Amino acid sequence: NPSELAASKQFLAALLSDLQSVAKHNHLAKQETLAAVHIDAELWTPENGMLTAASKLKRTDIIRHNQEKIDAMVAKLTVD
């Protein structure tokens, strides 16, 4: 279930760890490596405004929709 995965701290931690391992293996610089990850449980579709009719990302709308989550991730990173 995508909603359960998106809410699972254990899954998100494992996903972030795997992505960081891939970055390290490929010798990415620290600023190129993910420090946090969020999975949106809502499917992005043209109907909900997250994709164009050609299925291209509508980045501005996606950011606007997820701004609170983005701000929370940034705040957590600055505290840690």
PDB file of N, CA and C in Angstrom:
ATOM      1  N   ASN A   1       0.841  -1.179   0.000  1.00  0.00           N
ATOM      2  CA  ASN A   1       0.000   0.000   0.000  1.00  0.00           C
ATOM      3  C   ASN A   1       0.893   1.251   0.000  1.00  0.00           C
ATOM      4  N   PRO A   2       0.767   2.113  -1.004  1.00  0.00           N
ATOM      5  CA  PRO A   2       1.620   3.313  -1.078  1.00  0.00           C
ATOM      6  C   PRO A   2       1.480   4.237   0.124  1.00  0.00           C
ATOM      7  N   SER A   3       0.298   4.362   0.690  1.00  0.00           N
ATOM      8  CA  SER A   3       0.105   5.230   1.857  1.00  0.00           C
ATOM      9  C   SER A   3       0.876   4.719   3.061  1.00  0.00           C
ATOM     10  N   GLU A   4       0.901   3.408   3.243  1.00  0.00           N
ATOM     11  CA  GLU A   4       1.634   2.820   4.362  1.00  0.00           C
ATOM     12  C   GLU A   4       3.134   2.999   4.177  1.00  0.00           C
ATOM     13  N   LEU A   5       3.626   2.807   2.952  1.00  0.00           N
ATOM     14  CA  LEU A   5       5.052   2.995   2.685  1.00  0.00           C
ATOM     15  C   LEU A   5       5.456   4.451   2.904  1.00  0.00           C
ATOM     16  N   ALA A   6       4.638   5.368   2.440  1.00  0.00           N
ATOM     17  CA  ALA A   6       4.941   6.792   2.574  1.00  0.00           C
ATOM     18  C   ALA A   6       5.005   7.213   4.043  1.00  0.00           C
ATOM     19  N   ALA A   7       4.256   6.540   4.898  1.00  0.00           N
ATOM     20  CA  ALA A   7       4.207   6.891   6.316  1.00  0.00           C
ATOM     21  C   ALA A   7       5.205   6.105   7.164  1.00  0.00           C
ATOM     22  N   SER A   8       5.835   5.099   6.589  1.00  0.00           N
ATOM     23  CA  SER A   8       6.731   4.226   7.345  1.00  0.00           C
ATOM     24  C   SER A   8       8.116   4.853   7.509  1.00  0.00           C
ATOM     25  N   LYS A   9       8.451   5.234   8.749  1.00  0.00           N
ATOM     26  CA  LYS A   9       9.765   5.814   9.024  1.00  0.00           C
ATOM     27  C   LYS A   9      10.873   4.806   8.727  1.00  0.00           C
ATOM     28  N   GLN A  10      10.601   3.541   8.986  1.00  0.00           N
ATOM     29  CA  GLN A  10      11.591   2.493   8.729  1.00  0.00           C
ATOM     30  C   GLN A  10      11.865   2.370   7.224  1.00  0.00           C
ATOM     31  N   PHE A  11      10.820   2.388   6.419  1.00  0.00           N
ATOM     32  CA  PHE A  11      10.997   2.307   4.969  1.00  0.00           C
ATOM     33  C   PHE A  11      11.734   3.529   4.436  1.00  0.00           C
ATOM     34  N   LEU A  12      11.348   4.725   4.901  1.00  0.00           N
ATOM     35  CA  LEU A  12      11.994   5.953   4.432  1.00  0.00           C
ATOM     36  C   LEU A  12      13.474   5.982   4.822  1.00  0.00           C
ATOM     37  N   ALA A  13      13.797   5.506   6.029  1.00  0.00           N
ATOM     38  CA  ALA A  13      15.193   5.457   6.467  1.00  0.00           C
ATOM     39  C   ALA A  13      15.993   4.472   5.613  1.00  0.00           C
ATOM     40  N   ALA A  14      15.403   3.318   5.295  1.00  0.00           N
ATOM     41  CA  ALA A  14      16.081   2.325   4.457  1.00  0.00           C
ATOM     42  C   ALA A  14      16.275   2.853   3.037  1.00  0.00           C
ATOM     43  N   LEU A  15      15.275   3.521   2.512  1.00  0.00           N
ATOM     44  CA  LEU A  15      15.362   4.102   1.173  1.00  0.00           C
ATOM     45  C   LEU A  15      16.461   5.159   1.118  1.00  0.00           C
ATOM     46  N   LEU A  16      16.474   6.065   2.096  1.00  0.00           N
ATOM     47  CA  LEU A  16      17.491   7.108   2.140  1.00  0.00           C
ATOM     48  C   LEU A  16      18.886   6.501   2.263  1.00  0.00           C
ATOM     49  N   SER A  17      19.017   5.490   3.095  1.00  0.00           N
ATOM     50  CA  SER A  17      20.309   4.821   3.261  1.00  0.00           C
ATOM     51  C   SER A  17      20.788   4.208   1.948  1.00  0.00           C
ATOM     52  N   ASP A  18      19.893   3.551   1.236  1.00  0.00           N
ATOM     53  CA  ASP A  18      20.248   2.956  -0.059  1.00  0.00           C
ATOM     54  C   ASP A  18      20.656   4.025  -1.069  1.00  0.00           C
ATOM     55  N   LEU A  19      19.908   5.111  -1.124  1.00  0.00           N
ATOM     56  CA  LEU A  19      20.237   6.191  -2.060  1.00  0.00           C
ATOM     57  C   LEU A  19      21.575   6.838  -1.709  1.00  0.00           C
ATOM     58  N   GLN A  20      21.852   6.990  -0.418  1.00  0.00           N
ATOM     59  CA  GLN A  20      23.131   7.556   0.001  1.00  0.00           C
ATOM     60  C   GLN A  20      24.278   6.604  -0.320  1.00  0.00           C
ATOM     61  N   SER A  21      24.033   5.290  -0.203  1.00  0.00           N
ATOM     62  CA  SER A  21      25.060   4.308  -0.558  1.00  0.00           C
ATOM     63  C   SER A  21      25.391   4.370  -2.048  1.00  0.00           C
ATOM     64  N   VAL A  22      24.380   4.503  -2.870  1.00  0.00           N
ATOM     65  CA  VAL A  22      24.601   4.628  -4.313  1.00  0.00           C
ATOM     66  C   VAL A  22      25.392   5.896  -4.612  1.00  0.00           C
ATOM     67  N   ALA A  23      25.057   6.989  -3.949  1.00  0.00           N
ATOM     68  CA  ALA A  23      25.777   8.252  -4.148  1.00  0.00           C
ATOM     69  C   ALA A  23      27.241   8.100  -3.745  1.00  0.00           C
ATOM     70  N   LYS A  24      27.482   7.458  -2.615  1.00  0.00           N
ATOM     71  CA  LYS A  24      28.858   7.258  -2.146  1.00  0.00           C
ATOM     72  C   LYS A  24      29.625   6.362  -3.109  1.00  0.00           C
ATOM     73  N   HIS A  25      28.985   5.301  -3.564  1.00  0.00           N
ATOM     74  CA  HIS A  25      29.618   4.367  -4.508  1.00  0.00           C
ATOM     75  C   HIS A  25      30.010   5.073  -5.807  1.00  0.00           C
ATOM     76  N   ASN A  26      29.231   6.063  -6.185  1.00  0.00           N
ATOM     77  CA  ASN A  26      29.483   6.798  -7.421  1.00  0.00           C
ATOM     78  C   ASN A  26      30.280   8.082  -7.192  1.00  0.00           C
ATOM     79  N   HIS A  27      30.852   8.212  -5.990  1.00  0.00           N
ATOM     80  CA  HIS A  27      31.755   9.315  -5.644  1.00  0.00           C
ATOM     81  C   HIS A  27      31.117  10.694  -5.802  1.00  0.00           C
ATOM     82  N   LEU A  28      29.844  10.797  -5.425  1.00  0.00           N
ATOM     83  CA  LEU A  28      29.183  12.100  -5.476  1.00  0.00           C
ATOM     84  C   LEU A  28      29.650  12.954  -4.303  1.00  0.00           C
ATOM     85  N   ALA A  29      29.724  14.237  -4.524  1.00  0.00           N
ATOM     86  CA  ALA A  29      30.096  15.175  -3.467  1.00  0.00           C
ATOM     87  C   ALA A  29      28.955  15.266  -2.450  1.00  0.00           C
ATOM     88  N   LYS A  30      29.284  15.752  -1.253  1.00  0.00           N
ATOM     89  CA  LYS A  30      28.273  15.852  -0.196  1.00  0.00           C
ATOM     90  C   LYS A  30      27.049  16.639  -0.645  1.00  0.00           C
ATOM     91  N   GLN A  31      27.270  17.747  -1.354  1.00  0.00           N
ATOM     92  CA  GLN A  31      26.146  18.574  -1.791  1.00  0.00           C
ATOM     93  C   GLN A  31      25.320  17.914  -2.895  1.00  0.00           C
ATOM     94  N   GLU A  32      25.805  16.818  -3.456  1.00  0.00           N
ATOM     95  CA  GLU A  32      25.062  16.072  -4.484  1.00  0.00           C
ATOM     96  C   GLU A  32      24.320  14.876  -3.890  1.00  0.00           C
ATOM     97  N   THR A  33      24.499  14.663  -2.600  1.00  0.00           N
ATOM     98  CA  THR A  33      23.922  13.500  -1.928  1.00  0.00           C
ATOM     99  C   THR A  33      22.652  13.901  -1.182  1.00  0.00           C
ATOM    100  N   LEU A  34      21.632  13.073  -1.270  1.00  0.00           N
ATOM    101  CA  LEU A  34      20.378  13.350  -0.574  1.00  0.00           C
ATOM    102  C   LEU A  34      20.577  13.320   0.930  1.00  0.00           C
ATOM    103  N   ALA A  35      19.934  14.248   1.610  1.00  0.00           N
ATOM    104  CA  ALA A  35      19.980  14.293   3.067  1.00  0.00           C
ATOM    105  C   ALA A  35      18.629  13.921   3.670  1.00  0.00           C
ATOM    106  N   ALA A  36      17.593  13.958   2.864  1.00  0.00           N
ATOM    107  CA  ALA A  36      16.248  13.621   3.322  1.00  0.00           C
ATOM    108  C   ALA A  36      15.438  13.166   2.108  1.00  0.00           C
ATOM    109  N   VAL A  37      14.386  12.408   2.397  1.00  0.00           N
ATOM    110  CA  VAL A  37      13.527  11.925   1.315  1.00  0.00           C
ATOM    111  C   VAL A  37      12.079  11.922   1.813  1.00  0.00           C
ATOM    112  N   HIS A  38      11.179  12.199   0.910  1.00  0.00           N
ATOM    113  CA  HIS A  38       9.736  12.164   1.211  1.00  0.00           C
ATOM    114  C   HIS A  38       9.046  11.461   0.054  1.00  0.00           C
ATOM    115  N   ILE A  39       8.122  10.598   0.383  1.00  0.00           N
ATOM    116  CA  ILE A  39       7.306   9.935  -0.641  1.00  0.00           C
ATOM    117  C   ILE A  39       5.887  10.445  -0.499  1.00  0.00           C
ATOM    118  N   ASP A  40       5.348  10.942  -1.584  1.00  0.00           N
ATOM    119  CA  ASP A  40       3.972  11.430  -1.594  1.00  0.00           C
ATOM    120  C   ASP A  40       3.056  10.245  -1.872  1.00  0.00           C
ATOM    121  N   ALA A  41       2.158   9.962  -0.977  1.00  0.00           N
ATOM    122  CA  ALA A  41       1.255   8.823  -1.134  1.00  0.00           C
ATOM    123  C   ALA A  41       0.221   9.056  -2.234  1.00  0.00           C
ATOM    124  N   GLU A  42       0.013  10.315  -2.590  1.00  0.00           N
ATOM    125  CA  GLU A  42      -0.957  10.641  -3.625  1.00  0.00           C
ATOM    126  C   GLU A  42      -0.339  10.440  -5.014  1.00  0.00           C
ATOM    127  N   LEU A  43      -1.035   9.727  -5.862  1.00  0.00           N
ATOM    128  CA  LEU A  43      -0.586   9.506  -7.232  1.00  0.00           C
ATOM    129  C   LEU A  43      -0.687  10.809  -8.009  1.00  0.00           C
ATOM    130  N   TRP A  44       0.372  11.181  -8.693  1.00  0.00           N
ATOM    131  CA  TRP A  44       0.370  12.415  -9.482  1.00  0.00           C
ATOM    132  C   TRP A  44      -0.254  12.143 -10.836  1.00  0.00           C
ATOM    133  N   THR A  45      -1.304  12.889 -11.136  1.00  0.00           N
ATOM    134  CA  THR A  45      -2.038  12.710 -12.389  1.00  0.00           C
ATOM    135  C   THR A  45      -2.387  14.073 -12.973  1.00  0.00           C
ATOM    136  N   PRO A  46      -2.759  14.115 -14.247  1.00  0.00           N
ATOM    137  CA  PRO A  46      -3.250  15.380 -14.811  1.00  0.00           C
ATOM    138  C   PRO A  46      -4.530  15.846 -14.109  1.00  0.00           C
ATOM    139  N   GLU A  47      -5.338  14.903 -13.646  1.00  0.00           N
ATOM    140  CA  GLU A  47      -6.603  15.244 -13.002  1.00  0.00           C
ATOM    141  C   GLU A  47      -6.408  16.010 -11.694  1.00  0.00           C
ATOM    142  N   ASN A  48      -5.340  15.687 -10.941  1.00  0.00           N
ATOM    143  CA  ASN A  48      -5.131  16.403  -9.680  1.00  0.00           C
ATOM    144  C   ASN A  48      -4.149  17.558  -9.823  1.00  0.00           C
ATOM    145  N   GLY A  49      -3.739  17.851 -11.062  1.00  0.00           N
ATOM    146  CA  GLY A  49      -2.932  19.027 -11.333  1.00  0.00           C
ATOM    147  C   GLY A  49      -1.437  18.868 -11.129  1.00  0.00           C
ATOM    148  N   MET A  50      -0.966  17.661 -10.892  1.00  0.00           N
ATOM    149  CA  MET A  50       0.466  17.459 -10.668  1.00  0.00           C
ATOM    150  C   MET A  50       1.226  17.150 -11.968  1.00  0.00           C
ATOM    151  N   LEU A  51       0.492  16.758 -12.998  1.00  0.00           N
ATOM    152  CA  LEU A  51       1.083  16.473 -14.305  1.00  0.00           C
ATOM    153  C   LEU A  51       0.329  17.231 -15.384  1.00  0.00           C
ATOM    154  N   THR A  52       1.036  17.509 -16.483  1.00  0.00           N
ATOM    155  CA  THR A  52       0.365  18.087 -17.642  1.00  0.00           C
ATOM    156  C   THR A  52      -0.393  16.981 -18.362  1.00  0.00           C
ATOM    157  N   ALA A  53      -1.138  17.337 -19.388  1.00  0.00           N
ATOM    158  CA  ALA A  53      -1.851  16.334 -20.186  1.00  0.00           C
ATOM    159  C   ALA A  53      -0.872  15.379 -20.864  1.00  0.00           C
ATOM    160  N   ALA A  54       0.370  15.832 -21.089  1.00  0.00           N
ATOM    161  CA  ALA A  54       1.404  14.992 -21.699  1.00  0.00           C
ATOM    162  C   ALA A  54       2.211  14.233 -20.640  1.00  0.00           C
ATOM    163  N   SER A  55       1.720  14.222 -19.408  1.00  0.00           N
ATOM    164  CA  SER A  55       2.343  13.532 -18.276  1.00  0.00           C
ATOM    165  C   SER A  55       3.715  14.086 -17.896  1.00  0.00           C
ATOM    166  N   LYS A  56       3.896  15.381 -18.088  1.00  0.00           N
ATOM    167  CA  LYS A  56       5.118  16.048 -17.635  1.00  0.00           C
ATOM    168  C   LYS A  56       4.847  16.643 -16.259  1.00  0.00           C
ATOM    169  N   LEU A  57       5.889  16.658 -15.409  1.00  0.00           N
ATOM    170  CA  LEU A  57       5.733  17.189 -14.060  1.00  0.00           C
ATOM    171  C   LEU A  57       5.414  18.684 -14.081  1.00  0.00           C
ATOM    172  N   LYS A  58       4.485  19.070 -13.238  1.00  0.00           N
ATOM    173  CA  LYS A  58       4.190  20.492 -13.026  1.00  0.00           C
ATOM    174  C   LYS A  58       4.868  20.874 -11.710  1.00  0.00           C
ATOM    175  N   ARG A  59       6.179  21.135 -11.803  1.00  0.00           N
ATOM    176  CA  ARG A  59       7.016  21.324 -10.623  1.00  0.00           C
ATOM    177  C   ARG A  59       6.499  22.403  -9.673  1.00  0.00           C
ATOM    178  N   THR A  60       6.069  23.521 -10.204  1.00  0.00           N
ATOM    179  CA  THR A  60       5.574  24.607  -9.356  1.00  0.00           C
ATOM    180  C   THR A  60       4.371  24.148  -8.544  1.00  0.00           C
ATOM    181  N   ASP A  61       3.451  23.444  -9.170  1.00  0.00           N
ATOM    182  CA  ASP A  61       2.262  22.967  -8.468  1.00  0.00           C
ATOM    183  C   ASP A  61       2.617  21.883  -7.447  1.00  0.00           C
ATOM    184  N   ILE A  62       3.571  21.029  -7.791  1.00  0.00           N
ATOM    185  CA  ILE A  62       4.010  19.979  -6.870  1.00  0.00           C
ATOM    186  C   ILE A  62       4.664  20.612  -5.643  1.00  0.00           C
ATOM    187  N   ILE A  63       5.517  21.609  -5.863  1.00  0.00           N
ATOM    188  CA  ILE A  63       6.155  22.297  -4.743  1.00  0.00           C
ATOM    189  C   ILE A  63       5.107  22.991  -3.879  1.00  0.00           C
ATOM    190  N   ARG A  64       4.185  23.687  -4.506  1.00  0.00           N
ATOM    191  CA  ARG A  64       3.133  24.388  -3.758  1.00  0.00           C
ATOM    192  C   ARG A  64       2.327  23.398  -2.913  1.00  0.00           C
ATOM    193  N   HIS A  65       1.987  22.258  -3.484  1.00  0.00           N
ATOM    194  CA  HIS A  65       1.197  21.230  -2.793  1.00  0.00           C
ATOM    195  C   HIS A  65       1.956  20.634  -1.601  1.00  0.00           C
ATOM    196  N   ASN A  66       3.289  20.528  -1.730  1.00  0.00           N
ATOM    197  CA  ASN A  66       4.106  19.877  -0.703  1.00  0.00           C
ATOM    198  C   ASN A  66       4.958  20.845   0.111  1.00  0.00           C
ATOM    199  N   GLN A  67       4.688  22.142   0.036  1.00  0.00           N
ATOM    200  CA  GLN A  67       5.558  23.140   0.665  1.00  0.00           C
ATOM    201  C   GLN A  67       5.737  22.915   2.163  1.00  0.00           C
ATOM    202  N   GLU A  68       4.673  22.574   2.873  1.00  0.00           N
ATOM    203  CA  GLU A  68       4.790  22.341   4.311  1.00  0.00           C
ATOM    204  C   GLU A  68       5.731  21.181   4.602  1.00  0.00           C
ATOM    205  N   LYS A  69       5.639  20.113   3.821  1.00  0.00           N
ATOM    206  CA  LYS A  69       6.510  18.951   4.016  1.00  0.00           C
ATOM    207  C   LYS A  69       7.963  19.308   3.696  1.00  0.00           C
ATOM    208  N   ILE A  70       8.163  20.087   2.648  1.00  0.00           N
ATOM    209  CA  ILE A  70       9.509  20.520   2.268  1.00  0.00           C
ATOM    210  C   ILE A  70      10.100  21.392   3.378  1.00  0.00           C
ATOM    211  N   ASP A  71       9.321  22.339   3.869  1.00  0.00           N
ATOM    212  CA  ASP A  71       9.795  23.210   4.940  1.00  0.00           C
ATOM    213  C   ASP A  71      10.141  22.415   6.201  1.00  0.00           C
ATOM    214  N   ALA A  72       9.343  21.402   6.518  1.00  0.00           N
ATOM    215  CA  ALA A  72       9.610  20.570   7.698  1.00  0.00           C
ATOM    216  C   ALA A  72      10.909  19.785   7.523  1.00  0.00           C
ATOM    217  N   MET A  73      11.158  19.270   6.312  1.00  0.00           N
ATOM    218  CA  MET A  73      12.400  18.537   6.062  1.00  0.00           C
ATOM    219  C   MET A  73      13.597  19.460   6.187  1.00  0.00           C
ATOM    220  N   VAL A  74      13.516  20.652   5.632  1.00  0.00           N
ATOM    221  CA  VAL A  74      14.608  21.625   5.701  1.00  0.00           C
ATOM    222  C   VAL A  74      14.864  22.030   7.149  1.00  0.00           C
ATOM    223  N   ALA A  75      13.803  22.268   7.912  1.00  0.00           N
ATOM    224  CA  ALA A  75      13.947  22.646   9.311  1.00  0.00           C
ATOM    225  C   ALA A  75      14.623  21.529  10.106  1.00  0.00           C
ATOM    226  N   LYS A  76      14.252  20.289   9.841  1.00  0.00           N
ATOM    227  CA  LYS A  76      14.871  19.158  10.523  1.00  0.00           C
ATOM    228  C   LYS A  76      16.343  19.056  10.177  1.00  0.00           C
ATOM    229  N   LEU A  77      16.703  19.316   8.941  1.00  0.00           N
ATOM    230  CA  LEU A  77      18.095  19.242   8.527  1.00  0.00           C
ATOM    231  C   LEU A  77      18.927  20.326   9.185  1.00  0.00           C
ATOM    232  N   THR A  78      18.355  21.501   9.374  1.00  0.00           N
ATOM    233  CA  THR A  78      19.111  22.585   9.993  1.00  0.00           C
ATOM    234  C   THR A  78      19.266  22.372  11.488  1.00  0.00           C
ATOM    235  N   VAL A  79      18.365  21.600  12.110  1.00  0.00           N
ATOM    236  CA  VAL A  79      18.458  21.280  13.537  1.00  0.00           C
ATOM    237  C   VAL A  79      19.480  20.188  13.745  1.00  0.00           C
ATOM    238  N   ASP A  80      19.484  19.177  12.872  1.00  0.00           N
ATOM    239  CA  ASP A  80      20.410  18.043  12.993  1.00  0.00           C
ATOM    240  C   ASP A  80      21.763  18.493  12.631  1.00  0.00           C
TER     241      ASP A  80
END
